[in-house]
N, C-alpha and C. Protein backbone atom coordinates (compact mmCIF):
# COMPACT_ATOMS: atom_id res chain seq x y z
N ALA A 1 -32.95 120.20 -51.81
CA ALA A 1 -32.16 119.03 -51.70
C ALA A 1 -32.25 118.47 -50.41
N ARG A 2 -32.75 119.25 -49.40
CA ARG A 2 -33.22 118.54 -48.19
C ARG A 2 -34.23 117.54 -48.31
N ARG A 3 -35.34 117.74 -48.94
CA ARG A 3 -36.24 117.10 -49.10
C ARG A 3 -35.94 115.67 -49.80
N THR A 4 -35.16 115.76 -50.85
CA THR A 4 -34.86 114.56 -51.34
C THR A 4 -33.87 113.76 -50.58
N THR A 5 -33.25 114.27 -49.85
CA THR A 5 -32.28 113.62 -48.74
C THR A 5 -33.26 112.82 -47.81
N GLU A 6 -34.40 113.29 -47.70
CA GLU A 6 -35.38 112.83 -46.57
C GLU A 6 -35.90 111.42 -47.52
N LEU A 7 -36.20 111.47 -48.65
CA LEU A 7 -36.80 110.57 -49.36
C LEU A 7 -36.10 109.66 -49.95
N ARG A 8 -34.62 109.57 -49.84
CA ARG A 8 -33.82 108.56 -50.35
C ARG A 8 -34.13 107.10 -49.96
N PRO A 9 -34.51 106.90 -48.67
CA PRO A 9 -34.58 105.63 -48.30
C PRO A 9 -35.88 105.08 -48.78
N THR A 10 -36.81 105.98 -49.08
CA THR A 10 -38.07 105.63 -49.92
C THR A 10 -38.04 105.18 -51.33
N LEU A 11 -37.24 105.96 -51.90
CA LEU A 11 -36.71 105.93 -53.34
C LEU A 11 -36.15 104.52 -53.45
N ARG A 12 -35.31 104.05 -52.51
CA ARG A 12 -34.48 102.71 -52.62
C ARG A 12 -35.36 101.65 -52.55
N ARG A 13 -36.31 101.89 -51.44
CA ARG A 13 -37.35 100.85 -51.37
C ARG A 13 -38.32 100.63 -52.55
N LEU A 14 -38.65 101.76 -53.22
CA LEU A 14 -39.53 101.71 -54.45
C LEU A 14 -38.90 101.30 -55.68
N LEU A 15 -37.63 101.60 -55.74
CA LEU A 15 -36.90 101.26 -57.07
C LEU A 15 -37.19 99.91 -57.62
N PRO A 16 -36.76 98.93 -56.96
CA PRO A 16 -36.96 97.53 -57.35
C PRO A 16 -38.44 97.24 -57.93
N TRP A 17 -39.43 97.67 -57.23
CA TRP A 17 -40.81 97.68 -57.65
C TRP A 17 -41.13 98.44 -58.83
N ALA A 18 -40.61 99.58 -58.98
CA ALA A 18 -40.72 100.25 -60.11
C ALA A 18 -40.08 99.60 -61.36
N ILE A 19 -38.94 99.21 -61.14
CA ILE A 19 -38.09 98.58 -62.35
C ILE A 19 -39.03 97.32 -62.79
N GLY A 20 -39.57 96.31 -61.68
CA GLY A 20 -40.45 95.52 -62.18
C GLY A 20 -41.58 95.82 -62.82
N VAL A 21 -42.35 96.90 -62.39
CA VAL A 21 -43.56 97.29 -63.16
C VAL A 21 -43.12 97.72 -64.54
N GLY A 22 -41.97 98.58 -64.63
CA GLY A 22 -41.64 99.05 -65.78
C GLY A 22 -41.24 98.19 -66.86
N VAL A 23 -40.57 97.03 -66.30
CA VAL A 23 -40.12 95.98 -67.30
C VAL A 23 -41.73 95.33 -67.78
N VAL A 24 -42.44 94.76 -66.91
CA VAL A 24 -43.70 94.08 -67.36
C VAL A 24 -44.58 95.07 -68.19
N GLY A 25 -44.64 96.22 -67.95
CA GLY A 25 -45.48 97.19 -68.69
C GLY A 25 -44.91 97.24 -70.07
N ASN A 26 -43.77 97.73 -70.10
CA ASN A 26 -43.14 97.91 -71.35
C ASN A 26 -42.96 96.63 -72.16
N GLY A 27 -42.71 95.42 -71.47
CA GLY A 27 -42.75 94.11 -72.09
C GLY A 27 -44.06 93.79 -72.75
N ALA A 28 -45.01 94.16 -71.98
CA ALA A 28 -46.59 93.83 -72.62
C ALA A 28 -46.59 94.80 -74.01
N ALA A 29 -46.02 96.00 -73.77
CA ALA A 29 -46.44 96.86 -74.84
C ALA A 29 -45.46 96.32 -76.28
N MET A 30 -44.38 95.74 -76.03
CA MET A 30 -43.65 95.12 -76.90
C MET A 30 -44.31 93.93 -77.64
N ILE A 31 -44.89 93.08 -76.68
CA ILE A 31 -45.54 91.81 -77.09
C ILE A 31 -46.73 92.34 -78.03
N ILE A 32 -47.60 93.18 -77.33
CA ILE A 32 -48.76 93.53 -78.04
C ILE A 32 -48.48 94.20 -79.61
N GLU A 33 -47.25 94.83 -79.54
CA GLU A 33 -47.23 95.55 -80.86
C GLU A 33 -46.53 94.42 -81.85
N GLN A 34 -45.74 93.52 -81.28
CA GLN A 34 -45.33 92.22 -82.05
C GLN A 34 -46.57 91.50 -82.86
N LEU A 35 -47.46 91.23 -81.90
CA LEU A 35 -48.64 90.52 -82.18
C LEU A 35 -49.50 91.24 -83.37
N GLN A 36 -49.50 92.50 -83.15
CA GLN A 36 -50.32 93.37 -84.17
C GLN A 36 -49.62 93.53 -85.48
N ASP A 37 -48.24 93.52 -85.24
CA ASP A 37 -47.52 93.46 -86.52
C ASP A 37 -47.56 92.11 -87.46
N ARG A 38 -47.80 91.07 -86.75
CA ARG A 38 -47.72 89.74 -87.33
C ARG A 38 -49.25 89.46 -87.62
N ASN A 39 -50.26 90.19 -87.42
CA ASN A 39 -51.66 90.05 -87.60
C ASN A 39 -52.18 88.97 -86.61
N GLY A 40 -51.57 88.87 -85.41
CA GLY A 40 -52.07 87.92 -84.41
C GLY A 40 -53.14 88.53 -83.54
N LEU A 41 -53.23 90.07 -83.68
CA LEU A 41 -54.10 90.66 -82.80
C LEU A 41 -54.53 91.92 -83.74
N GLY A 42 -55.93 91.99 -83.66
CA GLY A 42 -56.41 93.10 -84.43
C GLY A 42 -56.28 94.39 -83.48
N ARG A 43 -56.13 95.62 -84.17
CA ARG A 43 -56.03 96.81 -83.40
C ARG A 43 -57.21 97.19 -82.39
N ASP A 44 -58.33 96.62 -82.53
CA ASP A 44 -59.51 96.72 -81.41
C ASP A 44 -59.72 95.55 -80.88
N SER A 45 -58.58 94.65 -80.48
CA SER A 45 -58.88 93.61 -79.83
C SER A 45 -59.03 93.71 -78.39
N PHE A 46 -59.62 92.87 -77.71
CA PHE A 46 -59.86 93.04 -76.26
C PHE A 46 -58.53 93.21 -75.60
N TRP A 47 -57.60 92.26 -75.98
CA TRP A 47 -56.04 92.29 -75.31
C TRP A 47 -55.41 93.48 -75.55
N VAL A 48 -55.68 94.19 -76.65
CA VAL A 48 -55.00 95.48 -76.74
C VAL A 48 -55.47 96.51 -75.92
N ARG A 49 -56.72 96.55 -75.62
CA ARG A 49 -57.35 97.58 -74.66
C ARG A 49 -57.20 96.97 -73.22
N ALA A 50 -57.12 95.82 -73.06
CA ALA A 50 -56.84 95.23 -71.65
C ALA A 50 -55.11 95.55 -71.16
N ALA A 51 -54.28 95.50 -72.12
CA ALA A 51 -53.11 95.77 -71.95
C ALA A 51 -52.68 97.32 -71.78
N ALA A 52 -53.51 98.11 -72.15
CA ALA A 52 -53.31 99.72 -72.13
C ALA A 52 -52.91 100.13 -70.76
N PRO A 53 -53.82 99.75 -69.77
CA PRO A 53 -53.39 100.34 -68.35
C PRO A 53 -51.81 99.58 -67.83
N VAL A 54 -51.64 98.54 -68.24
CA VAL A 54 -50.45 97.78 -67.81
C VAL A 54 -49.23 98.61 -68.40
N GLU A 55 -49.38 98.99 -69.81
CA GLU A 55 -48.48 99.55 -70.45
C GLU A 55 -48.27 101.02 -70.07
N GLU A 56 -49.35 101.77 -69.74
CA GLU A 56 -49.33 103.04 -69.06
C GLU A 56 -48.55 102.89 -67.82
N ALA A 57 -48.67 102.00 -66.96
CA ALA A 57 -48.04 101.79 -65.76
C ALA A 57 -46.81 101.71 -65.91
N GLY A 58 -46.40 101.08 -66.89
CA GLY A 58 -45.04 100.68 -67.25
C GLY A 58 -44.22 101.92 -67.64
N VAL A 59 -44.86 102.71 -68.46
CA VAL A 59 -44.33 104.07 -68.79
C VAL A 59 -44.07 104.93 -67.50
N LEU A 60 -45.06 105.12 -66.63
CA LEU A 60 -44.89 105.82 -65.36
C LEU A 60 -43.76 105.27 -64.35
N ALA A 61 -43.80 103.80 -64.25
CA ALA A 61 -42.62 103.13 -63.58
C ALA A 61 -41.42 103.62 -64.13
N LEU A 62 -41.09 103.57 -65.42
CA LEU A 62 -39.90 103.74 -65.87
C LEU A 62 -39.43 105.37 -65.61
N ALA A 63 -40.41 106.14 -65.76
CA ALA A 63 -40.16 107.62 -65.46
C ALA A 63 -39.65 107.68 -63.99
N PHE A 64 -40.40 107.02 -63.19
CA PHE A 64 -39.96 107.06 -61.73
C PHE A 64 -38.70 106.62 -61.70
N VAL A 65 -38.32 105.46 -62.22
CA VAL A 65 -36.98 104.79 -61.96
C VAL A 65 -35.88 105.97 -62.69
N TYR A 66 -36.17 106.46 -63.72
CA TYR A 66 -35.17 107.68 -64.12
C TYR A 66 -34.76 108.51 -63.15
N LEU A 67 -35.96 109.08 -62.46
CA LEU A 67 -35.91 110.15 -61.55
C LEU A 67 -35.31 109.67 -60.22
N ALA A 68 -35.64 108.42 -59.80
CA ALA A 68 -35.03 107.98 -58.50
C ALA A 68 -33.56 107.72 -58.73
N VAL A 69 -33.03 107.14 -59.97
CA VAL A 69 -31.79 106.89 -60.18
C VAL A 69 -30.83 108.42 -60.03
N LEU A 70 -31.48 109.33 -60.61
CA LEU A 70 -30.76 110.56 -60.84
C LEU A 70 -30.64 111.16 -59.30
N VAL A 71 -31.80 111.02 -58.58
CA VAL A 71 -31.86 111.52 -57.34
C VAL A 71 -30.66 110.76 -56.35
N LEU A 72 -30.75 109.67 -56.51
CA LEU A 72 -29.90 108.72 -55.63
C LEU A 72 -28.53 108.78 -56.16
N LEU A 73 -28.18 109.07 -57.23
CA LEU A 73 -26.86 109.54 -57.83
C LEU A 73 -26.31 110.80 -57.28
N PHE A 74 -27.18 111.67 -57.62
CA PHE A 74 -27.02 113.06 -56.99
C PHE A 74 -26.34 112.94 -55.52
N HIS A 75 -27.13 112.19 -54.80
CA HIS A 75 -26.60 112.23 -53.29
C HIS A 75 -25.42 111.14 -52.94
N ARG A 76 -25.16 110.65 -54.00
CA ARG A 76 -24.20 109.58 -53.64
C ARG A 76 -22.90 110.25 -53.19
N SER A 77 -22.33 111.07 -54.06
CA SER A 77 -20.90 111.96 -53.82
C SER A 77 -21.05 113.33 -54.57
N ALA A 78 -19.77 113.88 -54.16
CA ALA A 78 -19.70 115.16 -54.96
C ALA A 78 -19.34 114.92 -56.22
N THR A 79 -18.78 113.96 -56.56
CA THR A 79 -18.29 113.83 -58.02
C THR A 79 -19.78 113.70 -58.87
N TRP A 80 -20.73 112.77 -58.48
CA TRP A 80 -22.09 112.76 -59.05
C TRP A 80 -22.74 113.99 -59.23
N ARG A 81 -22.69 114.82 -58.10
CA ARG A 81 -23.20 116.03 -58.16
C ARG A 81 -22.68 117.04 -59.27
N GLN A 82 -21.35 116.80 -59.24
CA GLN A 82 -20.80 117.63 -60.38
C GLN A 82 -21.20 117.16 -61.89
N ARG A 83 -21.19 116.02 -62.02
CA ARG A 83 -21.45 115.37 -63.21
C ARG A 83 -22.88 115.68 -63.44
N LEU A 84 -23.85 115.48 -62.74
CA LEU A 84 -25.07 115.89 -62.75
C LEU A 84 -25.50 117.31 -63.01
N GLY A 85 -24.64 118.01 -62.42
CA GLY A 85 -24.92 119.41 -62.44
C GLY A 85 -25.01 120.16 -63.84
N TYR A 86 -24.25 119.21 -64.96
CA TYR A 86 -24.17 119.94 -66.46
C TYR A 86 -25.65 119.82 -66.81
N LEU A 87 -26.62 119.02 -66.29
CA LEU A 87 -27.86 118.89 -66.87
C LEU A 87 -28.87 119.84 -66.36
N ALA A 88 -28.51 120.58 -65.12
CA ALA A 88 -29.12 121.95 -64.67
C ALA A 88 -29.50 122.91 -65.45
N PRO A 89 -28.77 123.43 -66.47
CA PRO A 89 -29.30 124.21 -67.57
C PRO A 89 -30.52 123.86 -68.28
N VAL A 90 -30.19 122.41 -68.76
CA VAL A 90 -31.28 121.89 -69.50
C VAL A 90 -32.69 121.93 -68.60
N GLY A 91 -32.79 121.59 -67.55
CA GLY A 91 -33.84 121.80 -66.49
C GLY A 91 -34.31 123.04 -66.36
N ARG A 92 -33.53 124.11 -66.31
CA ARG A 92 -34.10 125.55 -65.97
C ARG A 92 -34.60 125.96 -67.47
N MET A 93 -34.48 125.13 -68.47
CA MET A 93 -35.00 125.63 -69.81
C MET A 93 -35.88 124.49 -70.31
N ALA A 94 -36.63 123.74 -69.32
CA ALA A 94 -37.31 122.64 -69.67
C ALA A 94 -38.37 122.92 -70.91
N LEU A 95 -39.16 124.00 -70.66
CA LEU A 95 -40.18 124.04 -71.74
C LEU A 95 -39.38 124.29 -73.00
N THR A 96 -38.63 125.24 -73.07
CA THR A 96 -37.99 125.48 -74.30
C THR A 96 -37.35 124.15 -74.93
N ASN A 97 -36.76 123.49 -74.18
CA ASN A 97 -36.07 122.00 -74.85
C ASN A 97 -37.18 121.11 -75.25
N TYR A 98 -38.25 120.99 -74.43
CA TYR A 98 -39.37 120.10 -74.91
C TYR A 98 -39.92 120.52 -76.12
N LEU A 99 -40.23 121.94 -76.25
CA LEU A 99 -40.98 122.47 -77.63
C LEU A 99 -39.91 122.35 -78.60
N THR A 100 -38.46 122.33 -78.60
CA THR A 100 -37.46 122.25 -79.53
C THR A 100 -37.56 120.81 -79.98
N GLN A 101 -37.45 119.81 -79.14
CA GLN A 101 -37.55 118.50 -79.40
C GLN A 101 -38.69 117.97 -79.97
N SER A 102 -39.91 118.43 -79.62
CA SER A 102 -41.13 118.46 -80.51
C SER A 102 -41.14 118.99 -81.85
N VAL A 103 -40.72 119.89 -82.10
CA VAL A 103 -40.66 120.54 -83.48
C VAL A 103 -39.50 119.82 -84.16
N LEU A 104 -38.29 119.66 -83.66
CA LEU A 104 -37.37 118.76 -84.55
C LEU A 104 -37.90 117.39 -84.82
N TYR A 105 -38.53 116.63 -84.07
CA TYR A 105 -38.80 115.43 -84.26
C TYR A 105 -40.13 115.28 -85.24
N LEU A 106 -40.92 116.48 -85.27
CA LEU A 106 -41.97 116.52 -86.03
C LEU A 106 -41.50 116.72 -87.47
N VAL A 107 -40.55 117.60 -87.66
CA VAL A 107 -39.76 117.80 -88.82
C VAL A 107 -39.08 116.67 -89.42
N LEU A 108 -38.43 115.77 -88.56
CA LEU A 108 -37.53 114.78 -89.03
C LEU A 108 -38.61 113.54 -89.33
N PHE A 109 -39.59 113.22 -88.58
CA PHE A 109 -40.26 112.06 -88.69
C PHE A 109 -41.62 112.00 -89.34
N THR A 110 -42.20 113.30 -89.68
CA THR A 110 -43.49 113.35 -90.18
C THR A 110 -43.38 113.93 -91.73
N GLY A 111 -44.50 113.78 -92.42
CA GLY A 111 -44.63 114.48 -93.76
C GLY A 111 -44.46 115.93 -93.75
N VAL A 112 -44.38 116.56 -92.66
CA VAL A 112 -44.38 117.94 -92.46
C VAL A 112 -42.91 118.34 -93.10
N GLY A 113 -41.78 117.15 -92.62
CA GLY A 113 -40.45 117.39 -93.12
C GLY A 113 -39.90 116.41 -94.01
N PHE A 114 -38.94 115.70 -93.24
CA PHE A 114 -38.47 114.49 -93.90
C PHE A 114 -39.08 113.18 -93.90
N GLY A 115 -40.01 113.04 -93.14
CA GLY A 115 -40.91 111.72 -93.25
C GLY A 115 -40.05 110.55 -93.02
N LEU A 116 -39.07 110.46 -91.87
CA LEU A 116 -38.22 109.35 -91.59
C LEU A 116 -38.83 108.31 -90.86
N TYR A 117 -40.39 108.54 -90.32
CA TYR A 117 -40.70 107.55 -89.50
C TYR A 117 -40.94 106.20 -90.36
N GLY A 118 -40.38 104.97 -89.53
CA GLY A 118 -40.56 103.77 -90.31
C GLY A 118 -39.12 103.54 -91.00
N ASP A 119 -38.57 104.58 -91.55
CA ASP A 119 -37.42 104.39 -92.30
C ASP A 119 -36.02 104.23 -91.53
N VAL A 120 -36.10 104.64 -90.20
CA VAL A 120 -34.98 104.95 -89.19
C VAL A 120 -35.35 103.86 -88.13
N GLY A 121 -34.39 103.01 -87.91
CA GLY A 121 -34.53 102.04 -86.77
C GLY A 121 -34.11 102.35 -85.44
N PRO A 122 -34.44 101.64 -84.47
CA PRO A 122 -34.32 102.11 -82.99
C PRO A 122 -32.91 102.59 -82.68
N ALA A 123 -32.09 102.07 -83.15
CA ALA A 123 -30.68 102.41 -82.70
C ALA A 123 -30.27 103.81 -83.14
N TRP A 124 -30.76 104.08 -84.34
CA TRP A 124 -30.58 105.36 -84.92
C TRP A 124 -31.42 106.39 -84.16
N CYS A 125 -32.63 105.94 -83.81
CA CYS A 125 -33.47 106.94 -82.81
C CYS A 125 -32.87 107.31 -81.76
N VAL A 126 -32.12 106.36 -80.94
CA VAL A 126 -31.44 106.59 -79.63
C VAL A 126 -30.54 107.45 -79.98
N ALA A 127 -29.62 107.11 -81.06
CA ALA A 127 -28.36 107.95 -81.32
C ALA A 127 -28.81 109.38 -81.80
N LEU A 128 -29.81 109.46 -82.58
CA LEU A 128 -30.18 110.93 -82.90
C LEU A 128 -30.81 111.67 -81.55
N ALA A 129 -31.73 111.07 -80.63
CA ALA A 129 -32.18 111.46 -79.42
C ALA A 129 -30.76 111.92 -78.58
N LEU A 130 -29.71 111.41 -78.42
CA LEU A 130 -28.75 111.61 -77.66
C LEU A 130 -27.80 112.87 -78.26
N ILE A 131 -27.84 112.77 -79.54
CA ILE A 131 -27.16 113.88 -80.24
C ILE A 131 -27.87 115.13 -80.01
N ILE A 132 -29.27 115.06 -80.13
CA ILE A 132 -30.02 116.22 -79.96
C ILE A 132 -30.10 116.75 -78.38
N PHE A 133 -30.02 115.83 -77.57
CA PHE A 133 -29.95 116.23 -76.15
C PHE A 133 -28.72 116.79 -75.67
N ALA A 134 -27.55 116.34 -76.33
CA ALA A 134 -26.16 116.77 -76.16
C ALA A 134 -26.14 118.40 -76.69
N ALA A 135 -26.74 118.53 -77.79
CA ALA A 135 -26.67 119.94 -78.27
C ALA A 135 -27.58 120.93 -77.40
N GLN A 136 -28.60 120.28 -76.98
CA GLN A 136 -29.52 121.05 -75.99
C GLN A 136 -28.89 121.49 -74.83
N THR A 137 -28.05 120.38 -74.16
CA THR A 137 -27.42 120.72 -72.86
C THR A 137 -26.28 121.80 -73.30
N ALA A 138 -25.43 121.81 -74.33
CA ALA A 138 -24.47 122.75 -74.40
C ALA A 138 -25.30 124.33 -75.00
N PHE A 139 -26.25 124.16 -75.71
CA PHE A 139 -26.92 125.44 -75.96
C PHE A 139 -27.67 126.14 -74.67
N SER A 140 -28.18 125.27 -73.89
CA SER A 140 -28.85 125.74 -72.67
C SER A 140 -27.83 126.35 -71.73
N ALA A 141 -26.65 125.82 -71.54
CA ALA A 141 -25.62 126.28 -70.90
C ALA A 141 -25.08 127.57 -71.46
N TRP A 142 -24.84 127.75 -72.58
CA TRP A 142 -24.59 128.94 -73.53
C TRP A 142 -25.53 129.95 -73.27
N TRP A 143 -26.80 129.59 -73.44
CA TRP A 143 -27.88 130.64 -73.31
C TRP A 143 -28.19 131.16 -71.91
N LEU A 144 -28.16 130.42 -70.98
CA LEU A 144 -28.27 130.70 -69.47
C LEU A 144 -27.26 131.59 -69.06
N ALA A 145 -26.00 131.55 -69.65
CA ALA A 145 -24.81 132.29 -69.34
C ALA A 145 -25.14 133.69 -69.75
N ARG A 146 -26.07 133.95 -70.52
CA ARG A 146 -26.41 135.38 -71.03
C ARG A 146 -27.86 135.82 -70.80
N TYR A 147 -28.70 135.06 -70.59
CA TYR A 147 -29.99 135.16 -70.38
C TYR A 147 -30.51 134.57 -68.97
N ARG A 148 -31.64 135.39 -68.44
CA ARG A 148 -32.24 134.79 -67.21
C ARG A 148 -32.86 133.48 -67.33
N PHE A 149 -33.59 133.31 -68.52
CA PHE A 149 -34.59 132.18 -68.92
C PHE A 149 -34.50 131.70 -70.09
N GLY A 150 -35.01 130.65 -70.52
CA GLY A 150 -34.97 130.27 -71.92
C GLY A 150 -36.25 130.95 -72.59
N PRO A 151 -36.11 130.93 -73.82
CA PRO A 151 -37.11 131.76 -74.54
C PRO A 151 -38.51 131.53 -74.17
N ALA A 152 -38.93 130.22 -74.09
CA ALA A 152 -40.31 129.79 -73.80
C ALA A 152 -40.78 130.09 -72.45
N GLU A 153 -39.62 130.19 -71.51
CA GLU A 153 -39.79 130.13 -70.12
C GLU A 153 -40.14 131.73 -69.99
N TRP A 154 -39.57 132.64 -70.66
CA TRP A 154 -39.71 134.03 -70.77
C TRP A 154 -41.05 134.21 -71.22
N VAL A 155 -41.62 133.86 -72.16
CA VAL A 155 -42.73 134.01 -72.73
C VAL A 155 -43.78 133.71 -71.63
N TRP A 156 -43.74 132.42 -71.05
CA TRP A 156 -44.55 131.99 -70.01
C TRP A 156 -44.65 132.90 -68.86
N ARG A 157 -43.22 133.33 -68.26
CA ARG A 157 -43.37 134.31 -67.16
C ARG A 157 -44.09 135.72 -67.56
N THR A 158 -43.79 135.99 -68.57
CA THR A 158 -44.31 137.30 -69.22
C THR A 158 -45.85 137.23 -69.20
N LEU A 159 -46.41 136.26 -69.71
CA LEU A 159 -47.80 136.21 -69.67
C LEU A 159 -48.50 135.94 -68.29
N THR A 160 -47.70 135.22 -67.48
CA THR A 160 -48.29 134.87 -66.06
C THR A 160 -48.28 136.22 -65.30
N TYR A 161 -47.21 137.02 -65.51
CA TYR A 161 -47.20 138.27 -64.67
C TYR A 161 -47.94 139.51 -65.20
N GLY A 162 -48.15 139.25 -66.57
CA GLY A 162 -48.85 140.25 -67.44
C GLY A 162 -48.03 141.50 -67.63
N GLN A 163 -46.68 141.20 -67.76
CA GLN A 163 -45.70 142.43 -67.95
C GLN A 163 -44.49 141.63 -68.51
N LEU A 164 -43.77 142.62 -69.18
CA LEU A 164 -42.43 142.06 -69.80
C LEU A 164 -41.53 141.94 -68.61
N GLN A 165 -40.97 140.47 -68.76
CA GLN A 165 -39.90 140.32 -67.81
C GLN A 165 -38.59 140.58 -68.08
N PRO A 166 -37.63 140.91 -67.43
CA PRO A 166 -36.21 141.24 -67.64
C PRO A 166 -35.58 139.87 -68.28
N MET A 167 -34.93 140.04 -69.35
CA MET A 167 -34.47 138.73 -70.00
C MET A 167 -33.22 138.74 -69.88
N ARG A 168 -32.26 139.73 -69.99
CA ARG A 168 -30.74 139.71 -70.10
C ARG A 168 -30.25 139.63 -68.63
N ILE A 169 -29.08 138.96 -68.58
CA ILE A 169 -28.42 138.90 -67.29
C ILE A 169 -27.70 140.21 -67.27
N SER A 170 -27.64 141.02 -66.24
CA SER A 170 -26.81 142.26 -66.12
C SER A 170 -25.36 141.88 -66.04
N VAL A 171 -24.53 142.83 -66.71
CA VAL A 171 -23.10 142.50 -66.73
C VAL A 171 -22.58 142.35 -65.45
N SER A 172 -23.02 142.88 -64.39
CA SER A 172 -22.36 142.87 -63.22
C SER A 172 -22.61 141.50 -62.54
N ALA A 173 -23.80 140.80 -63.06
CA ALA A 173 -24.29 139.45 -62.35
C ALA A 173 -23.23 138.46 -63.02
N ARG A 174 -22.99 138.81 -64.33
CA ARG A 174 -22.21 137.60 -65.11
C ARG A 174 -20.66 137.69 -64.65
N THR A 175 -20.33 138.73 -64.10
CA THR A 175 -18.74 138.60 -63.59
C THR A 175 -18.51 138.26 -62.39
N GLU A 176 -19.80 138.02 -61.44
CA GLU A 176 -19.53 137.70 -60.27
C GLU A 176 -19.41 136.18 -59.93
């Protein structure tokens, strides 16, 4: 937390630039996609390839925006720290949650499962993502009240250290 306190002025300075790059990059991606959908641009067009770095910069910039906003809100007040504290278990189980989302979306949107890709609009995708994330937030808190790590984090640590890692939280640690 101390390091993020030092970085706040830099985050505030960079935030407007990152928003601008994010809007331009993601706007370019939307325009290119619309032109391709209307057969105005071929998939191998020069403009598609030329826009790719701009689109990637937009994705990275928006990721920075999300991170910076969370850090700035966290340091804004105790109320914000408490609100954002509910996300801590999700972060402690980041690998498990990432893998779970990947499998869920694979099953929902590809031929492996329900094949909903193209049948579900953007609003439903956002709603579905929020529902899944809310469920993961609740599950992560429940899990970490009983276990030291998420399942994937446990496997990772066990492989890293070359020996089984303790998984359960001791009863005395839970009551403290």
